[in-house]
Amino acid sequence: MIRPAVHAAMGRIQTGAPQSEDLGLLLCLVDPDEVALLHATACLVRTAYCQGRIALRALVEISSVCRNSCLYCGLNRYNRHASRYMMDEDEILHCVGEAVGQGYRTVVLQSGEDGRSAESIAHMIAQIKRKYPIAITLSLGERSYEDYQLWKRAGADRYLLRVESTDAELYRTLHTDRTLSSRLECLGNLRTLGYQVGSGIMVGVPGQTVSTIAGDIQFFCSNQFDMIGIGPFIPHAETPLAGSPRGDVLLTLNTIAVIRIATKYPWMPATTALGSLNRDYRLDGLLAGANVIMPNFTPSAYKSQYAIYPNKQSETDSAESLGHLARSAGLDIDYGRCDSLLV
């Protein structure tokens, strides 16, 4: 039997600013009937506000070089066992061309903070825009206002910058040479410049609590992001968090569902991390309210080197497998730009 408190909490987070107590209750659901209700409600909200479709974004991981020392990431600069690469412009354009040839109209260019010049990135963006009628999403980390402005003028449409945690102390612990205030400033700059902006968090990273996740969700609600990415923490053997437990799958799925119900409009990926566990949980993510899949178009020679966590799912999904995934979730596939749904 579903508790009245669960019904009441779901009603409140749909209609007003979500309170910590309601968020905490829903995040911690484990009873199968209550979990099923939460996830089904998230799917109903998704259909009402986003239509019944999966947006496909082609992912190209353009560099595994990174100057940062994030405790959870296999690309951190202190990992001497990491293989490093930086794709050149011709390689990147080739990958984009492959994706466009398969019908994709959004490409996500992602990398570590590799120090590549802003001008070279702007040139690459302009070349892509000159050749292809697509949306470009960048995920290149923290840069200056001027760099973001240059890329926007060159034709970039969107930017993904995960906040990872809005708890300043936890953020400082996980990112030893970074501050939450700097991350928030970058997110604000991106919004000011007219980007469609995405953010997100890991679930289950050491030091995180249900209360901190609730605070993150309140942050997402108050900032109205165009995209929100949620994935489980997966420990990497060559990081300081190597011995930590993996993020809980159910808590991750509940987090997706609660964010969908509370924020309604964002594009939310069933993340690669969900597809990199003991089994592929991306369908579960879609059934909890997600509505984006990001097939990987990184060249096979580089895929294994972009090891932000172990056993990362990197196979490029075939049209057949994507169709099966969509049908299993009761959704249609959309290869189009799928711009922000916020009005």
C-alpha atoms as a PDB file:
ATOM      1  CA  MET A   1       0.000   0.000   0.000  1.00  0.00           C
ATOM      2  CA  ILE A   2       1.262   3.447  -0.910  1.00  0.00           C
ATOM      3  CA  ARG A   3       1.517   5.755   2.068  1.00  0.00           C
ATOM      4  CA  PRO A   4      -0.568   8.946   2.038  1.00  0.00           C
ATOM      5  CA  ALA A   5       2.598  10.914   2.785  1.00  0.00           C
ATOM      6  CA  VAL A   6       4.071   9.775  -0.539  1.00  0.00           C
ATOM      7  CA  HIS A   7       1.025  10.934  -2.499  1.00  0.00           C
ATOM      8  CA  ALA A   8       1.103  14.244  -0.643  1.00  0.00           C
ATOM      9  CA  ALA A   9       4.823  14.815  -1.234  1.00  0.00           C
ATOM     10  CA  MET A  10       4.512  14.137  -4.964  1.00  0.00           C
ATOM     11  CA  GLY A  11       1.615  16.537  -5.204  1.00  0.00           C
ATOM     12  CA  ARG A  12       3.521  19.285  -3.438  1.00  0.00           C
ATOM     13  CA  ILE A  13       6.707  19.032  -5.515  1.00  0.00           C
ATOM     14  CA  GLN A  14       4.641  19.262  -8.718  1.00  0.00           C
ATOM     15  CA  THR A  15       2.894  22.458  -7.720  1.00  0.00           C
ATOM     16  CA  GLY A  16       5.348  24.544  -5.723  1.00  0.00           C
ATOM     17  CA  ALA A  17       8.929  25.073  -4.600  1.00  0.00           C
ATOM     18  CA  PRO A  18       9.952  21.634  -3.307  1.00  0.00           C
ATOM     19  CA  GLN A  19      10.758  21.360   0.384  1.00  0.00           C
ATOM     20  CA  SER A  20      13.668  19.308   1.707  1.00  0.00           C
ATOM     21  CA  GLU A  21      11.420  16.978   3.699  1.00  0.00           C
ATOM     22  CA  ASP A  22       9.341  16.029   0.652  1.00  0.00           C
ATOM     23  CA  LEU A  23      12.411  15.571  -1.520  1.00  0.00           C
ATOM     24  CA  GLY A  24      14.114  13.406   1.080  1.00  0.00           C
ATOM     25  CA  LEU A  25      11.059  11.185   1.455  1.00  0.00           C
ATOM     26  CA  LEU A  26      10.762  10.586  -2.286  1.00  0.00           C
ATOM     27  CA  LEU A  27      14.475  10.087  -2.891  1.00  0.00           C
ATOM     28  CA  CYS A  28      14.591   7.331  -0.282  1.00  0.00           C
ATOM     29  CA  LEU A  29      11.656   5.290  -1.576  1.00  0.00           C
ATOM     30  CA  VAL A  30      12.396   1.555  -1.752  1.00  0.00           C
ATOM     31  CA  ASP A  31       8.941  -0.049  -1.586  1.00  0.00           C
ATOM     32  CA  PRO A  32       8.300  -1.404  -5.117  1.00  0.00           C
ATOM     33  CA  ASP A  33       4.791   0.042  -5.359  1.00  0.00           C
ATOM     34  CA  GLU A  34       5.906   3.476  -4.184  1.00  0.00           C
ATOM     35  CA  VAL A  35       8.930   3.461  -6.499  1.00  0.00           C
ATOM     36  CA  ALA A  36       6.712   2.428  -9.416  1.00  0.00           C
ATOM     37  CA  LEU A  37       4.318   5.282  -8.664  1.00  0.00           C
ATOM     38  CA  LEU A  38       7.171   7.802  -8.463  1.00  0.00           C
ATOM     39  CA  HIS A  39       8.689   6.706 -11.768  1.00  0.00           C
ATOM     40  CA  ALA A  40       5.317   6.469 -13.529  1.00  0.00           C
ATOM     41  CA  THR A  41       4.445   9.969 -12.361  1.00  0.00           C
ATOM     42  CA  ALA A  42       7.761  11.226 -13.736  1.00  0.00           C
ATOM     43  CA  CYS A  43       6.940   9.673 -17.108  1.00  0.00           C
ATOM     44  CA  LEU A  44       3.501  11.291 -17.126  1.00  0.00           C
ATOM     45  CA  VAL A  45       5.095  14.667 -16.396  1.00  0.00           C
ATOM     46  CA  ARG A  46       7.639  14.090 -19.176  1.00  0.00           C
ATOM     47  CA  THR A  47       4.877  13.305 -21.672  1.00  0.00           C
ATOM     48  CA  ALA A  48       2.880  16.363 -20.629  1.00  0.00           C
ATOM     49  CA  TYR A  49       5.775  18.820 -20.883  1.00  0.00           C
ATOM     50  CA  CYS A  50       8.294  17.205 -23.268  1.00  0.00           C
ATOM     51  CA  GLN A  51       6.180  14.915 -25.471  1.00  0.00           C
ATOM     52  CA  GLY A  52       6.809  11.193 -25.785  1.00  0.00           C
ATOM     53  CA  ARG A  53      10.206  11.239 -27.440  1.00  0.00           C
ATOM     54  CA  ILE A  54      13.874  10.477 -26.921  1.00  0.00           C
ATOM     55  CA  ALA A  55      16.254  13.139 -28.195  1.00  0.00           C
ATOM     56  CA  LEU A  56      19.428  11.692 -29.699  1.00  0.00           C
ATOM     57  CA  ARG A  57      22.697  13.599 -29.278  1.00  0.00           C
ATOM     58  CA  ALA A  58      25.917  12.402 -30.924  1.00  0.00           C
ATOM     59  CA  LEU A  59      28.780  12.476 -28.403  1.00  0.00           C
ATOM     60  CA  VAL A  60      32.389  13.069 -29.459  1.00  0.00           C
ATOM     61  CA  GLU A  61      35.025  12.993 -26.697  1.00  0.00           C
ATOM     62  CA  ILE A  62      37.675  15.214 -28.234  1.00  0.00           C
ATOM     63  CA  SER A  63      40.402  15.074 -25.559  1.00  0.00           C
ATOM     64  CA  SER A  64      41.347  13.069 -22.476  1.00  0.00           C
ATOM     65  CA  VAL A  65      43.900  15.643 -21.329  1.00  0.00           C
ATOM     66  CA  CYS A  66      42.876  17.519 -18.173  1.00  0.00           C
ATOM     67  CA  ARG A  67      44.572  20.022 -15.900  1.00  0.00           C
ATOM     68  CA  ASN A  68      42.253  19.345 -12.953  1.00  0.00           C
ATOM     69  CA  SER A  69      42.624  16.990 -10.003  1.00  0.00           C
ATOM     70  CA  CYS A  70      39.008  16.008  -9.284  1.00  0.00           C
ATOM     71  CA  LEU A  71      39.084  13.160  -6.788  1.00  0.00           C
ATOM     72  CA  TYR A  72      36.520  11.011  -8.623  1.00  0.00           C
ATOM     73  CA  CYS A  73      37.709  11.303 -12.226  1.00  0.00           C
ATOM     74  CA  GLY A  74      40.047   8.972 -14.068  1.00  0.00           C
ATOM     75  CA  LEU A  75      41.224  11.854 -16.258  1.00  0.00           C
ATOM     76  CA  ASN A  76      42.635  13.817 -13.310  1.00  0.00           C
ATOM     77  CA  ARG A  77      46.127  15.118 -13.900  1.00  0.00           C
ATOM     78  CA  TYR A  78      47.721  12.951 -11.207  1.00  0.00           C
ATOM     79  CA  ASN A  79      46.679   9.688 -12.870  1.00  0.00           C
ATOM     80  CA  ARG A  80      49.974   8.649 -14.433  1.00  0.00           C
ATOM     81  CA  HIS A  81      48.426   5.500 -15.884  1.00  0.00           C
ATOM     82  CA  ALA A  82      45.885   7.401 -17.956  1.00  0.00           C
ATOM     83  CA  SER A  83      46.296   7.389 -21.728  1.00  0.00           C
ATOM     84  CA  ARG A  84      46.037  10.881 -23.145  1.00  0.00           C
ATOM     85  CA  TYR A  85      44.962  12.132 -26.552  1.00  0.00           C
ATOM     86  CA  MET A  86      43.823  15.367 -28.201  1.00  0.00           C
ATOM     87  CA  MET A  87      41.880  15.038 -31.443  1.00  0.00           C
ATOM     88  CA  ASP A  88      42.750  17.574 -34.111  1.00  0.00           C
ATOM     89  CA  GLU A  89      40.183  19.588 -36.032  1.00  0.00           C
ATOM     90  CA  ASP A  90      40.107  17.239 -39.021  1.00  0.00           C
ATOM     91  CA  GLU A  91      39.428  14.238 -36.793  1.00  0.00           C
ATOM     92  CA  ILE A  92      36.643  16.083 -34.999  1.00  0.00           C
ATOM     93  CA  LEU A  93      35.054  17.211 -38.266  1.00  0.00           C
ATOM     94  CA  HIS A  94      35.161  13.629 -39.534  1.00  0.00           C
ATOM     95  CA  CYS A  95      33.308  12.381 -36.439  1.00  0.00           C
ATOM     96  CA  VAL A  96      30.715  15.129 -36.767  1.00  0.00           C
ATOM     97  CA  GLY A  97      30.258  14.246 -40.427  1.00  0.00           C
ATOM     98  CA  GLU A  98      29.640  10.603 -39.536  1.00  0.00           C
ATOM     99  CA  ALA A  99      26.971  11.595 -37.031  1.00  0.00           C
ATOM    100  CA  VAL A 100      25.290  13.992 -39.448  1.00  0.00           C
ATOM    101  CA  GLY A 101      25.358  11.292 -42.108  1.00  0.00           C
ATOM    102  CA  GLN A 102      23.362   9.066 -39.773  1.00  0.00           C
ATOM    103  CA  GLY A 103      20.754  11.763 -39.252  1.00  0.00           C
ATOM    104  CA  TYR A 104      21.904  13.438 -36.026  1.00  0.00           C
ATOM    105  CA  ARG A 105      21.228  17.157 -35.731  1.00  0.00           C
ATOM    106  CA  THR A 106      22.916  17.753 -32.371  1.00  0.00           C
ATOM    107  CA  VAL A 107      26.554  16.986 -31.593  1.00  0.00           C
ATOM    108  CA  VAL A 108      28.093  17.177 -28.117  1.00  0.00           C
ATOM    109  CA  LEU A 109      31.832  17.939 -28.019  1.00  0.00           C
ATOM    110  CA  GLN A 110      33.253  16.925 -24.641  1.00  0.00           C
ATOM    111  CA  SER A 111      36.739  16.939 -23.165  1.00  0.00           C
ATOM    112  CA  GLY A 112      38.844  17.388 -20.098  1.00  0.00           C
ATOM    113  CA  GLU A 113      40.090  20.912 -19.436  1.00  0.00           C
ATOM    114  CA  ASP A 114      43.018  20.441 -21.787  1.00  0.00           C
ATOM    115  CA  GLY A 115      44.207  24.013 -22.298  1.00  0.00           C
ATOM    116  CA  ARG A 116      43.347  24.071 -25.995  1.00  0.00           C
ATOM    117  CA  SER A 117      43.211  27.680 -27.167  1.00  0.00           C
ATOM    118  CA  ALA A 118      39.844  29.392 -27.301  1.00  0.00           C
ATOM    119  CA  GLU A 119      40.618  30.543 -30.836  1.00  0.00           C
ATOM    120  CA  SER A 120      41.219  27.013 -32.130  1.00  0.00           C
ATOM    121  CA  ILE A 121      37.936  25.855 -30.615  1.00  0.00           C
ATOM    122  CA  ALA A 122      36.118  28.829 -32.142  1.00  0.00           C
ATOM    123  CA  HIS A 123      37.590  27.993 -35.540  1.00  0.00           C
ATOM    124  CA  MET A 124      36.432  24.387 -35.198  1.00  0.00           C
ATOM    125  CA  ILE A 125      32.907  25.494 -34.231  1.00  0.00           C
ATOM    126  CA  ALA A 126      32.733  27.829 -37.220  1.00  0.00           C
ATOM    127  CA  GLN A 127      33.918  25.073 -39.558  1.00  0.00           C
ATOM    128  CA  ILE A 128      31.256  22.683 -38.278  1.00  0.00           C
ATOM    129  CA  LYS A 129      28.531  25.299 -38.617  1.00  0.00           C
ATOM    130  CA  ARG A 130      29.677  26.145 -42.126  1.00  0.00           C
ATOM    131  CA  LYS A 131      29.395  22.518 -43.223  1.00  0.00           C
ATOM    132  CA  TYR A 132      26.438  21.179 -41.270  1.00  0.00           C
ATOM    133  CA  PRO A 133      22.975  22.463 -40.204  1.00  0.00           C
ATOM    134  CA  ILE A 134      23.243  21.220 -36.630  1.00  0.00           C
ATOM    135  CA  ALA A 135      23.239  22.352 -33.017  1.00  0.00           C
ATOM    136  CA  ILE A 136      26.588  22.270 -31.220  1.00  0.00           C
ATOM    137  CA  THR A 137      26.760  21.494 -27.524  1.00  0.00           C
ATOM    138  CA  LEU A 138      30.079  22.068 -25.760  1.00  0.00           C
ATOM    139  CA  SER A 139      31.216  20.408 -22.545  1.00  0.00           C
ATOM    140  CA  LEU A 140      34.727  21.747 -22.068  1.00  0.00           C
ATOM    141  CA  GLY A 141      34.748  22.780 -18.430  1.00  0.00           C
ATOM    142  CA  GLU A 142      35.398  26.127 -16.790  1.00  0.00           C
ATOM    143  CA  ARG A 143      36.639  28.903 -19.058  1.00  0.00           C
ATOM    144  CA  SER A 144      36.591  32.688 -19.004  1.00  0.00           C
ATOM    145  CA  TYR A 145      33.601  34.819 -19.963  1.00  0.00           C
ATOM    146  CA  GLU A 146      35.552  35.933 -23.019  1.00  0.00           C
ATOM    147  CA  ASP A 147      36.145  32.339 -24.166  1.00  0.00           C
ATOM    148  CA  TYR A 148      32.482  31.442 -23.783  1.00  0.00           C
ATOM    149  CA  GLN A 149      31.550  34.619 -25.669  1.00  0.00           C
ATOM    150  CA  LEU A 150      33.945  33.804 -28.506  1.00  0.00           C
ATOM    151  CA  TRP A 151      32.492  30.304 -28.886  1.00  0.00           C
ATOM    152  CA  LYS A 152      28.924  31.589 -28.819  1.00  0.00           C
ATOM    153  CA  ARG A 153      29.704  34.070 -31.561  1.00  0.00           C
ATOM    154  CA  ALA A 154      31.338  31.271 -33.568  1.00  0.00           C
ATOM    155  CA  GLY A 155      28.082  29.320 -33.457  1.00  0.00           C
ATOM    156  CA  ALA A 156      27.954  27.203 -30.293  1.00  0.00           C
ATOM    157  CA  ASP A 157      24.380  26.702 -29.116  1.00  0.00           C
ATOM    158  CA  ARG A 158      24.560  24.905 -25.776  1.00  0.00           C
ATOM    159  CA  TYR A 159      26.933  24.230 -22.919  1.00  0.00           C
ATOM    160  CA  LEU A 160      27.020  21.440 -20.350  1.00  0.00           C
ATOM    161  CA  LEU A 161      28.744  22.187 -17.036  1.00  0.00           C
ATOM    162  CA  ARG A 162      27.796  19.880 -14.201  1.00  0.00           C
ATOM    163  CA  VAL A 163      27.796  21.488 -10.794  1.00  0.00           C
ATOM    164  CA  GLU A 164      28.372  18.032  -9.189  1.00  0.00           C
ATOM    165  CA  SER A 165      27.354  19.396  -5.769  1.00  0.00           C
ATOM    166  CA  THR A 166      25.913  22.653  -4.487  1.00  0.00           C
ATOM    167  CA  ASP A 167      27.295  21.907  -1.025  1.00  0.00           C
ATOM    168  CA  ALA A 168      30.345  24.181  -0.902  1.00  0.00           C
ATOM    169  CA  GLU A 169      32.300  22.007   1.534  1.00  0.00           C
ATOM    170  CA  LEU A 170      31.678  18.807  -0.433  1.00  0.00           C
ATOM    171  CA  TYR A 171      32.513  20.588  -3.669  1.00  0.00           C
ATOM    172  CA  ARG A 172      35.817  21.801  -2.239  1.00  0.00           C
ATOM    173  CA  THR A 173      36.645  18.283  -1.018  1.00  0.00           C
ATOM    174  CA  LEU A 174      36.012  16.717  -4.424  1.00  0.00           C
ATOM    175  CA  HIS A 175      37.695  19.477  -6.447  1.00  0.00           C
ATOM    176  CA  THR A 176      40.849  20.347  -4.540  1.00  0.00           C
ATOM    177  CA  ASP A 177      41.845  23.227  -6.817  1.00  0.00           C
ATOM    178  CA  ARG A 178      38.376  24.605  -7.588  1.00  0.00           C
ATOM    179  CA  THR A 179      35.578  26.425  -5.802  1.00  0.00           C
ATOM    180  CA  LEU A 180      31.812  26.207  -6.041  1.00  0.00           C
ATOM    181  CA  SER A 181      31.630  29.977  -6.494  1.00  0.00           C
ATOM    182  CA  SER A 182      33.767  29.731  -9.633  1.00  0.00           C
ATOM    183  CA  ARG A 183      31.533  27.000 -11.048  1.00  0.00           C
ATOM    184  CA  LEU A 184      28.404  29.031 -10.339  1.00  0.00           C
ATOM    185  CA  GLU A 185      29.970  32.105 -11.940  1.00  0.00           C
ATOM    186  CA  CYS A 186      30.635  30.105 -15.113  1.00  0.00           C
ATOM    187  CA  LEU A 187      27.045  28.855 -15.199  1.00  0.00           C
ATOM    188  CA  GLY A 188      25.822  32.423 -14.804  1.00  0.00           C
ATOM    189  CA  ASN A 189      28.100  33.650 -17.581  1.00  0.00           C
ATOM    190  CA  LEU A 190      26.813  30.982 -19.945  1.00  0.00           C
ATOM    191  CA  ARG A 191      23.229  31.977 -19.244  1.00  0.00           C
ATOM    192  CA  THR A 192      24.029  35.674 -19.740  1.00  0.00           C
ATOM    193  CA  LEU A 193      25.603  34.921 -23.118  1.00  0.00           C
ATOM    194  CA  GLY A 194      22.487  33.150 -24.354  1.00  0.00           C
ATOM    195  CA  TYR A 195      23.580  29.530 -24.271  1.00  0.00           C
ATOM    196  CA  GLN A 196      21.118  26.782 -23.556  1.00  0.00           C
ATOM    197  CA  VAL A 197      22.698  25.585 -20.307  1.00  0.00           C
ATOM    198  CA  GLY A 198      22.907  22.131 -18.797  1.00  0.00           C
ATOM    199  CA  SER A 199      24.161  21.000 -15.410  1.00  0.00           C
ATOM    200  CA  GLY A 200      23.900  17.944 -13.178  1.00  0.00           C
ATOM    201  CA  ILE A 201      25.323  15.843 -10.366  1.00  0.00           C
ATOM    202  CA  MET A 202      26.709  12.430  -9.518  1.00  0.00           C
ATOM    203  CA  VAL A 203      24.709  10.349  -7.077  1.00  0.00           C
ATOM    204  CA  GLY A 204      26.537   8.453  -4.350  1.00  0.00           C
ATOM    205  CA  VAL A 205      29.868  10.238  -4.289  1.00  0.00           C
ATOM    206  CA  PRO A 206      31.521   9.944  -0.837  1.00  0.00           C
ATOM    207  CA  GLY A 207      30.386  12.702   1.502  1.00  0.00           C
ATOM    208  CA  GLN A 208      27.076  13.226  -0.259  1.00  0.00           C
ATOM    209  CA  THR A 209      23.852  12.727   1.703  1.00  0.00           C
ATOM    210  CA  VAL A 210      20.178  12.655   0.787  1.00  0.00           C
ATOM    211  CA  SER A 211      20.002  16.139   2.259  1.00  0.00           C
ATOM    212  CA  THR A 212      22.694  17.431  -0.102  1.00  0.00           C
ATOM    213  CA  ILE A 213      20.923  15.840  -3.082  1.00  0.00           C
ATOM    214  CA  ALA A 214      17.724  17.578  -1.980  1.00  0.00           C
ATOM    215  CA  GLY A 215      19.640  20.864  -1.928  1.00  0.00           C
ATOM    216  CA  ASP A 216      20.930  20.184  -5.428  1.00  0.00           C
ATOM    217  CA  ILE A 217      17.381  19.576  -6.670  1.00  0.00           C
ATOM    218  CA  GLN A 218      16.236  22.855  -5.132  1.00  0.00           C
ATOM    219  CA  PHE A 219      19.113  24.540  -6.978  1.00  0.00           C
ATOM    220  CA  PHE A 220      17.974  22.997 -10.271  1.00  0.00           C
ATOM    221  CA  CYS A 221      14.415  24.148  -9.643  1.00  0.00           C
ATOM    222  CA  SER A 222      15.392  27.733  -8.905  1.00  0.00           C
ATOM    223  CA  ASN A 223      17.762  28.011 -11.894  1.00  0.00           C
ATOM    224  CA  GLN A 224      15.625  26.409 -14.618  1.00  0.00           C
ATOM    225  CA  PHE A 225      18.307  24.569 -16.562  1.00  0.00           C
ATOM    226  CA  ASP A 226      17.629  23.506 -20.126  1.00  0.00           C
ATOM    227  CA  MET A 227      19.373  20.166 -19.544  1.00  0.00           C
ATOM    228  CA  ILE A 228      20.090  18.187 -16.367  1.00  0.00           C
ATOM    229  CA  GLY A 229      22.324  15.111 -16.259  1.00  0.00           C
ATOM    230  CA  ILE A 230      22.206  12.638 -13.366  1.00  0.00           C
ATOM    231  CA  GLY A 231      24.421   9.571 -13.108  1.00  0.00           C
ATOM    232  CA  PRO A 232      25.748   7.231 -10.436  1.00  0.00           C
ATOM    233  CA  PHE A 233      29.217   7.692  -8.984  1.00  0.00           C
ATOM    234  CA  ILE A 234      31.506   4.925 -10.285  1.00  0.00           C
ATOM    235  CA  PRO A 235      34.875   4.666  -8.485  1.00  0.00           C
ATOM    236  CA  HIS A 236      38.017   4.625 -10.621  1.00  0.00           C
ATOM    237  CA  ALA A 237      40.971   2.538  -9.444  1.00  0.00           C
ATOM    238  CA  GLU A 238      43.509   5.289 -10.190  1.00  0.00           C
ATOM    239  CA  THR A 239      41.836   7.993  -8.089  1.00  0.00           C
ATOM    240  CA  PRO A 240      41.792   8.812  -4.362  1.00  0.00           C
ATOM    241  CA  LEU A 241      38.207   7.465  -4.200  1.00  0.00           C
ATOM    242  CA  ALA A 242      39.187   4.061  -5.586  1.00  0.00           C
ATOM    243  CA  GLY A 243      37.957   2.076  -2.588  1.00  0.00           C
ATOM    244  CA  SER A 244      34.625   3.840  -2.255  1.00  0.00           C
ATOM    245  CA  PRO A 245      31.296   2.108  -2.921  1.00  0.00           C
ATOM    246  CA  ARG A 246      29.515   2.723  -6.181  1.00  0.00           C
ATOM    247  CA  GLY A 247      26.528   5.053  -6.237  1.00  0.00           C
ATOM    248  CA  ASP A 248      23.211   3.324  -5.604  1.00  0.00           C
ATOM    249  CA  VAL A 249      21.224   2.682  -8.780  1.00  0.00           C
ATOM    250  CA  LEU A 250      17.794   3.052  -7.184  1.00  0.00           C
ATOM    251  CA  LEU A 251      18.739   6.351  -5.557  1.00  0.00           C
ATOM    252  CA  THR A 252      20.007   7.550  -8.940  1.00  0.00           C
ATOM    253  CA  LEU A 253      16.759   6.576 -10.657  1.00  0.00           C
ATOM    254  CA  ASN A 254      14.685   8.162  -7.903  1.00  0.00           C
ATOM    255  CA  THR A 255      16.738  11.339  -8.285  1.00  0.00           C
ATOM    256  CA  ILE A 256      15.990  11.433 -12.017  1.00  0.00           C
ATOM    257  CA  ALA A 257      12.286  10.921 -11.316  1.00  0.00           C
ATOM    258  CA  VAL A 258      12.078  13.570  -8.608  1.00  0.00           C
ATOM    259  CA  ILE A 259      13.911  16.119 -10.765  1.00  0.00           C
ATOM    260  CA  ARG A 260      11.603  15.397 -13.681  1.00  0.00           C
ATOM    261  CA  ILE A 261       8.499  15.892 -11.530  1.00  0.00           C
ATOM    262  CA  ALA A 262       9.837  19.051  -9.894  1.00  0.00           C
ATOM    263  CA  THR A 263      11.443  20.755 -12.922  1.00  0.00           C
ATOM    264  CA  LYS A 264       9.266  19.348 -15.726  1.00  0.00           C
ATOM    265  CA  TYR A 265      10.935  20.728 -18.866  1.00  0.00           C
ATOM    266  CA  PRO A 266      14.657  19.827 -18.983  1.00  0.00           C
ATOM    267  CA  TRP A 267      16.196  17.412 -21.412  1.00  0.00           C
ATOM    268  CA  MET A 268      17.564  14.675 -19.140  1.00  0.00           C
ATOM    269  CA  PRO A 269      19.902  11.969 -20.451  1.00  0.00           C
ATOM    270  CA  ALA A 270      19.843   8.361 -19.467  1.00  0.00           C
ATOM    271  CA  THR A 271      23.566   8.785 -18.905  1.00  0.00           C
ATOM    272  CA  THR A 272      26.464   6.713 -20.152  1.00  0.00           C
ATOM    273  CA  ALA A 273      27.230   5.931 -16.503  1.00  0.00           C
ATOM    274  CA  LEU A 274      23.848   4.190 -16.199  1.00  0.00           C
ATOM    275  CA  GLY A 275      24.894   2.049 -19.156  1.00  0.00           C
ATOM    276  CA  SER A 276      28.267   1.165 -17.613  1.00  0.00           C
ATOM    277  CA  LEU A 277      27.244  -0.823 -14.534  1.00  0.00           C
ATOM    278  CA  ASN A 278      26.705  -4.552 -14.055  1.00  0.00           C
ATOM    279  CA  ARG A 279      23.997  -4.177 -16.698  1.00  0.00           C
ATOM    280  CA  ASP A 280      22.693  -1.394 -18.920  1.00  0.00           C
ATOM    281  CA  TYR A 281      20.308   0.721 -16.823  1.00  0.00           C
ATOM    282  CA  ARG A 282      19.585   3.305 -19.504  1.00  0.00           C
ATOM    283  CA  LEU A 283      16.114   1.867 -20.110  1.00  0.00           C
ATOM    284  CA  ASP A 284      15.469   2.178 -16.374  1.00  0.00           C
ATOM    285  CA  GLY A 285      16.556   5.809 -16.628  1.00  0.00           C
ATOM    286  CA  LEU A 286      14.078   6.425 -19.429  1.00  0.00           C
ATOM    287  CA  LEU A 287      11.353   4.727 -17.406  1.00  0.00           C
ATOM    288  CA  ALA A 288      12.189   7.106 -14.532  1.00  0.00           C
ATOM    289  CA  GLY A 289      11.689  10.231 -16.643  1.00  0.00           C
ATOM    290  CA  ALA A 290      14.864  10.715 -18.707  1.00  0.00           C
ATOM    291  CA  ASN A 291      14.472  11.589 -22.389  1.00  0.00           C
ATOM    292  CA  VAL A 292      17.928  11.806 -24.005  1.00  0.00           C
ATOM    293  CA  ILE A 293      20.378   9.177 -25.260  1.00  0.00           C
ATOM    294  CA  MET A 294      23.907  10.147 -26.330  1.00  0.00           C
ATOM    295  CA  PRO A 295      25.456   7.525 -28.648  1.00  0.00           C
ATOM    296  CA  ASN A 296      29.235   7.728 -28.718  1.00  0.00           C
ATOM    297  CA  PHE A 297      30.883   8.741 -32.006  1.00  0.00           C
ATOM    298  CA  THR A 298      34.418   9.027 -30.608  1.00  0.00           C
ATOM    299  CA  PRO A 299      36.872   7.101 -32.831  1.00  0.00           C
ATOM    300  CA  SER A 300      37.411   3.557 -31.584  1.00  0.00           C
ATOM    301  CA  ALA A 301      41.138   4.221 -31.164  1.00  0.00           C
ATOM    302  CA  TYR A 302      40.340   6.823 -28.491  1.00  0.00           C
ATOM    303  CA  LYS A 303      37.203   5.523 -26.771  1.00  0.00           C
ATOM    304  CA  SER A 304      38.988   3.427 -24.154  1.00  0.00           C
ATOM    305  CA  GLN A 305      41.306   6.344 -23.334  1.00  0.00           C
ATOM    306  CA  TYR A 306      38.433   8.587 -22.237  1.00  0.00           C
ATOM    307  CA  ALA A 307      38.230   6.621 -19.001  1.00  0.00           C
ATOM    308  CA  ILE A 308      36.530   8.968 -16.556  1.00  0.00           C
ATOM    309  CA  TYR A 309      35.379   5.796 -14.762  1.00  0.00           C
ATOM    310  CA  PRO A 310      36.040   2.088 -15.423  1.00  0.00           C
ATOM    311  CA  ASN A 311      34.114  -0.063 -17.920  1.00  0.00           C
ATOM    312  CA  LYS A 312      32.559   2.998 -19.532  1.00  0.00           C
ATOM    313  CA  GLN A 313      29.952   2.056 -22.109  1.00  0.00           C
ATOM    314  CA  SER A 314      31.408   3.270 -25.394  1.00  0.00           C
ATOM    315  CA  GLU A 315      29.867   1.259 -28.215  1.00  0.00           C
ATOM    316  CA  THR A 316      28.020   3.391 -30.746  1.00  0.00           C
ATOM    317  CA  ASP A 317      24.390   2.326 -30.526  1.00  0.00           C
ATOM    318  CA  SER A 318      22.978   1.043 -33.802  1.00  0.00           C
ATOM    319  CA  ALA A 319      19.737   2.411 -35.192  1.00  0.00           C
ATOM    320  CA  GLU A 320      18.188  -0.972 -34.413  1.00  0.00           C
ATOM    321  CA  SER A 321      19.274  -0.956 -30.773  1.00  0.00           C
ATOM    322  CA  LEU A 322      18.099   2.629 -30.332  1.00  0.00           C
ATOM    323  CA  GLY A 323      14.752   1.730 -31.837  1.00  0.00           C
ATOM    324  CA  HIS A 324      14.410  -1.201 -29.461  1.00  0.00           C
ATOM    325  CA  LEU A 325      15.321   1.010 -26.505  1.00  0.00           C
ATOM    326  CA  ALA A 326      12.743   3.596 -27.526  1.00  0.00           C
ATOM    327  CA  ARG A 327       9.992   1.029 -28.041  1.00  0.00           C
ATOM    328  CA  SER A 328      10.763  -0.563 -24.684  1.00  0.00           C
ATOM    329  CA  ALA A 329      10.299   2.828 -23.030  1.00  0.00           C
ATOM    330  CA  GLY A 330       7.171   3.634 -25.036  1.00  0.00           C
ATOM    331  CA  LEU A 331       8.874   6.601 -26.710  1.00  0.00           C
ATOM    332  CA  ASP A 332       9.616   7.822 -30.225  1.00  0.00           C
ATOM    333  CA  ILE A 333      13.103   8.709 -31.464  1.00  0.00           C
ATOM    334  CA  ASP A 334      13.872  12.303 -32.439  1.00  0.00           C
ATOM    335  CA  TYR A 335      17.100  12.966 -34.366  1.00  0.00           C
ATOM    336  CA  GLY A 336      16.376  16.703 -34.592  1.00  0.00           C
ATOM    337  CA  ARG A 337      17.921  19.651 -32.766  1.00  0.00           C
ATOM    338  CA  CYS A 338      15.521  19.326 -29.823  1.00  0.00           C
ATOM    339  CA  ASP A 339      16.188  22.797 -28.465  1.00  0.00           C
ATOM    340  CA  SER A 340      15.250  23.971 -24.990  1.00  0.00           C
ATOM    341  CA  LEU A 341      11.656  23.353 -23.963  1.00  0.00           C
ATOM    342  CA  LEU A 342      11.665  26.182 -21.446  1.00  0.00           C
ATOM    343  CA  VAL A 343       9.251  28.964 -22.313  1.00  0.00           C
END
